[in-house]
Amino acid sequence: MLEKQVVVDLVEAIENGTVQVRTATKIVDDGVEVSRSFHRHVVVPGQDYSQEDAKVQAICAAVQTPDVIAAYEAAQEAAQVKNEA
């Protein structure tokens, strides 16, 4: 019997508060994995993460403090000003 399993298998917090998430999609045939593929996405400070996996939510809540969010937003604004100059 074929079964599709989707799991968050890697969560990394980066110095600037960005959280990188890797999701593995596995195809299992009678208990034997026959295929695996990956999808990656990023949760930036200040972004709504309420629809993320519970592990991702917990890490975002711990890492993305108000100070981290403010610093991230300031850095983004500074980079945008630099690019416009």
Protein backbone atom coordinates (compact mmCIF):
# COMPACT_ATOMS: atom_id res chain seq x y z
CA MET A 1 0.00 0.00 0.00
CA LEU A 2 1.40 3.38 -0.99
CA GLU A 3 1.44 6.10 1.64
CA LYS A 4 2.48 9.75 1.41
CA GLN A 5 4.10 11.23 4.53
CA VAL A 6 4.88 14.93 4.89
CA VAL A 7 7.07 15.95 7.84
CA VAL A 8 9.07 18.97 8.91
CA ASP A 9 12.48 17.39 9.24
CA LEU A 10 14.79 20.37 9.68
CA VAL A 11 14.35 23.76 11.35
CA GLU A 12 17.23 26.23 11.61
CA ALA A 13 17.31 29.60 13.33
CA ILE A 14 19.70 32.09 11.73
CA GLU A 15 21.49 34.89 13.60
CA ASN A 16 19.13 37.60 12.29
CA GLY A 17 16.05 35.72 13.54
CA THR A 18 15.12 34.14 10.23
CA VAL A 19 13.89 30.56 10.60
CA GLN A 20 14.57 28.15 7.74
CA VAL A 21 12.22 25.18 7.40
CA ARG A 22 12.73 22.01 5.37
CA THR A 23 9.75 19.73 4.72
CA ALA A 24 10.29 16.17 3.51
CA THR A 25 7.66 14.40 1.44
CA LYS A 26 8.14 10.63 1.57
CA ILE A 27 6.42 7.95 -0.47
CA VAL A 28 6.33 4.67 1.44
CA ASP A 29 5.33 1.31 -0.09
CA ASP A 30 4.51 -1.37 2.51
CA GLY A 31 6.81 0.25 5.06
CA VAL A 32 9.70 0.79 2.62
CA GLU A 33 10.55 4.34 1.58
CA VAL A 34 10.65 4.49 -2.22
CA SER A 35 10.92 8.25 -2.73
CA ARG A 36 11.77 11.41 -0.82
CA SER A 37 11.70 15.04 -1.91
CA PHE A 38 12.29 18.28 -0.07
CA HIS A 39 10.73 21.73 0.03
CA ARG A 40 12.30 24.69 1.83
CA HIS A 41 10.85 27.96 2.96
CA VAL A 42 11.78 30.80 5.30
CA VAL A 43 9.86 32.49 8.10
CA VAL A 44 11.21 36.02 8.58
CA PRO A 45 10.88 37.99 11.81
CA GLY A 46 7.49 39.68 11.96
CA GLN A 47 5.86 37.23 9.54
CA ASP A 48 2.69 35.39 10.65
CA TYR A 49 3.73 31.83 11.48
CA SER A 50 0.42 30.65 12.98
CA GLN A 51 -0.16 28.13 10.17
CA GLU A 52 3.28 26.54 10.52
CA ASP A 53 4.03 23.16 12.11
CA ALA A 54 3.99 23.21 15.93
CA LYS A 55 7.79 22.77 16.08
CA VAL A 56 8.29 25.75 13.78
CA GLN A 57 5.85 27.85 15.81
CA ALA A 58 7.72 27.06 19.03
CA ILE A 59 11.09 28.00 17.54
CA CYS A 60 9.74 31.20 15.99
CA ALA A 61 8.16 32.20 19.31
CA ALA A 62 11.47 31.67 21.11
CA VAL A 63 13.73 33.31 18.51
CA GLN A 64 11.64 36.10 16.99
CA THR A 65 11.35 38.42 19.98
CA PRO A 66 10.14 42.03 19.59
CA ASP A 67 13.78 43.22 19.66
CA VAL A 68 14.77 40.73 16.93
CA ILE A 69 11.79 41.77 14.80
CA ALA A 70 12.66 45.46 15.17
CA ALA A 71 16.32 44.84 14.29
CA TYR A 72 15.36 42.74 11.25
CA GLU A 73 12.94 45.39 9.98
CA ALA A 74 15.54 48.14 10.49
CA ALA A 75 18.12 46.11 8.56
CA GLN A 76 15.64 45.55 5.71
CA GLU A 77 14.86 49.27 5.53
CA ALA A 78 18.56 50.16 5.54
CA ALA A 79 19.23 47.69 2.72
CA GLN A 80 16.35 49.12 0.69
CA VAL A 81 17.65 52.69 1.13
CA LYS A 82 21.13 51.54 0.10
CA ASN A 83 19.76 49.85 -3.02
CA GLU A 84 17.81 52.95 -4.00
CA ALA A 85 20.86 55.19 -3.73
